Amino acid sequence: MQLTIALPDHLAHRLGSDREHLVEIIEEGLASRCSKTSGLWREVAGFLGRGPRPEEIARFKPSESLIKRSRELLYRNREQSLTPEEKAELDDMASLDQFMILLKAEAHKVLAAQRSS
């Protein structure tokens, strides 16, 4: 199927030499949008929505099913057999993991300050 779209000038300029990869860019973008509703995002959002205390944040671990899923994606990534959707899911997991590392570090700072006061 052929589709014609009009892009704002600034976005068309950003595409530059990547225009030949537009199908891949769109696939990755759509996959990324879908992955934001993945189990890990929902699990972390639910956890943070409950207003955890610093010690609960410091102890947070994803569920076993999500740990298993991340291991599966990492294995398939090594085998270079991920779909664009799975690659976006793995990328989201990595981003969310970095966020949780920062959040846990802040929680540890709060706990250390509480212990020293």
Protein backbone atom coordinates (compact mmCIF):
# COMPACT_ATOMS: atom_id res chain seq x y z
CA MET A 1 0.00 0.00 0.00
CA GLN A 2 1.20 3.47 -0.77
CA LEU A 3 0.54 6.34 1.60
CA THR A 4 1.29 10.01 1.12
CA ILE A 5 1.77 12.14 4.21
CA ALA A 6 2.58 15.78 4.75
CA LEU A 7 5.25 16.46 7.37
CA PRO A 8 6.10 19.75 9.04
CA ASP A 9 9.30 21.23 7.61
CA HIS A 10 11.27 20.73 10.84
CA LEU A 11 10.39 17.02 10.91
CA ALA A 12 11.12 16.51 7.22
CA HIS A 13 14.50 18.20 7.78
CA ARG A 14 15.24 15.87 10.72
CA LEU A 15 14.63 12.85 8.50
CA GLY A 16 17.42 13.97 6.20
CA SER A 17 19.30 10.95 4.88
CA ASP A 18 17.13 8.58 6.92
CA ARG A 19 14.26 8.96 4.45
CA GLU A 20 15.13 5.59 2.93
CA HIS A 21 14.54 4.05 6.38
CA LEU A 22 11.14 5.66 6.89
CA VAL A 23 9.27 2.33 7.00
CA GLU A 24 11.61 1.05 9.72
CA ILE A 25 11.32 4.33 11.66
CA ILE A 26 7.52 4.16 11.56
CA GLU A 27 7.54 0.48 12.62
CA GLU A 28 9.80 1.24 15.60
CA GLY A 29 7.73 4.25 16.58
CA LEU A 30 4.49 2.27 16.50
CA ALA A 31 6.08 -0.57 18.44
CA SER A 32 7.37 1.85 21.04
CA ARG A 33 3.93 3.40 21.48
CA CYS A 34 2.45 -0.04 22.08
CA SER A 35 5.16 -1.10 24.50
CA LYS A 36 4.39 1.79 26.86
CA THR A 37 1.41 -0.27 27.98
CA SER A 38 3.58 -3.33 28.61
CA GLY A 39 3.39 -5.25 31.85
CA LEU A 40 6.49 -3.59 33.27
CA TRP A 41 5.15 -0.06 32.78
CA ARG A 42 1.84 -1.05 34.36
CA GLU A 43 3.61 -2.80 37.25
CA VAL A 44 5.88 0.16 38.03
CA ALA A 45 3.04 2.68 37.63
CA GLY A 46 0.88 0.65 40.00
CA PHE A 47 3.70 0.40 42.52
CA LEU A 48 4.46 4.13 42.43
CA GLY A 49 0.77 4.98 42.44
CA ARG A 50 0.42 3.35 45.86
CA GLY A 51 2.86 5.91 47.30
CA PRO A 52 5.58 3.54 48.52
CA ARG A 53 7.87 4.51 51.39
CA PRO A 54 11.62 4.83 50.65
CA GLU A 55 12.36 1.37 52.10
CA GLU A 56 9.73 -0.17 49.80
CA ILE A 57 11.26 1.59 46.80
CA ALA A 58 14.71 0.33 47.76
CA ARG A 59 13.38 -3.27 47.86
CA PHE A 60 11.30 -3.10 44.66
CA LYS A 61 11.73 -5.95 42.19
CA PRO A 62 9.61 -6.70 39.14
CA SER A 63 7.45 -9.80 39.18
CA GLU A 64 8.94 -13.16 38.24
CA SER A 65 6.92 -13.20 35.01
CA LEU A 66 8.47 -9.88 33.93
CA ILE A 67 11.95 -11.04 34.89
CA LYS A 68 11.37 -14.15 32.79
CA ARG A 69 10.13 -12.01 29.88
CA SER A 70 13.21 -9.77 30.04
CA ARG A 71 15.51 -12.80 30.03
CA GLU A 72 13.67 -14.19 27.01
CA LEU A 73 14.00 -10.88 25.15
CA LEU A 74 17.70 -10.59 26.05
CA TYR A 75 18.33 -14.13 24.78
CA ARG A 76 16.43 -13.47 21.54
CA ASN A 77 18.30 -10.18 21.15
CA ARG A 78 21.62 -12.06 21.33
CA GLU A 79 20.24 -14.40 18.66
CA GLN A 80 19.18 -11.34 16.61
CA SER A 81 15.63 -12.65 16.31
CA LEU A 82 13.60 -9.84 17.88
CA THR A 83 10.65 -8.31 16.09
CA PRO A 84 10.50 -4.48 16.02
CA GLU A 85 7.84 -4.64 18.75
CA GLU A 86 10.04 -6.84 20.94
CA LYS A 87 13.04 -4.57 20.38
CA ALA A 88 10.96 -1.59 21.48
CA GLU A 89 9.78 -3.57 24.52
CA LEU A 90 13.37 -4.42 25.45
CA ASP A 91 14.45 -0.81 24.97
CA ASP A 92 11.60 0.32 27.23
CA MET A 93 12.63 -2.21 29.84
CA ALA A 94 16.17 -0.85 29.77
CA SER A 95 14.93 2.76 30.10
CA LEU A 96 12.60 1.88 32.93
CA ASP A 97 15.38 -0.07 34.65
CA GLN A 98 17.60 3.03 34.53
CA PHE A 99 14.76 5.09 36.01
CA MET A 100 14.31 2.58 38.84
CA ILE A 101 18.05 2.62 39.57
CA LEU A 102 17.89 6.40 39.98
CA LEU A 103 14.73 6.18 42.07
CA LYS A 104 16.29 3.54 44.35
CA ALA A 105 19.44 5.66 44.74
CA GLU A 106 17.30 8.58 45.90
CA ALA A 107 15.40 6.29 48.28
CA HIS A 108 18.72 5.10 49.75
CA LYS A 109 19.77 8.74 50.29
CA VAL A 110 16.55 9.41 52.19
CA LEU A 111 17.04 6.30 54.31
CA ALA A 112 20.64 7.22 55.07
CA ALA A 113 19.59 10.72 56.10
CA GLN A 114 16.90 9.26 58.37
CA ARG A 115 19.40 6.95 60.04
CA SER A 116 21.88 9.77 60.67
CA SER A 117 19.34 12.12 62.22
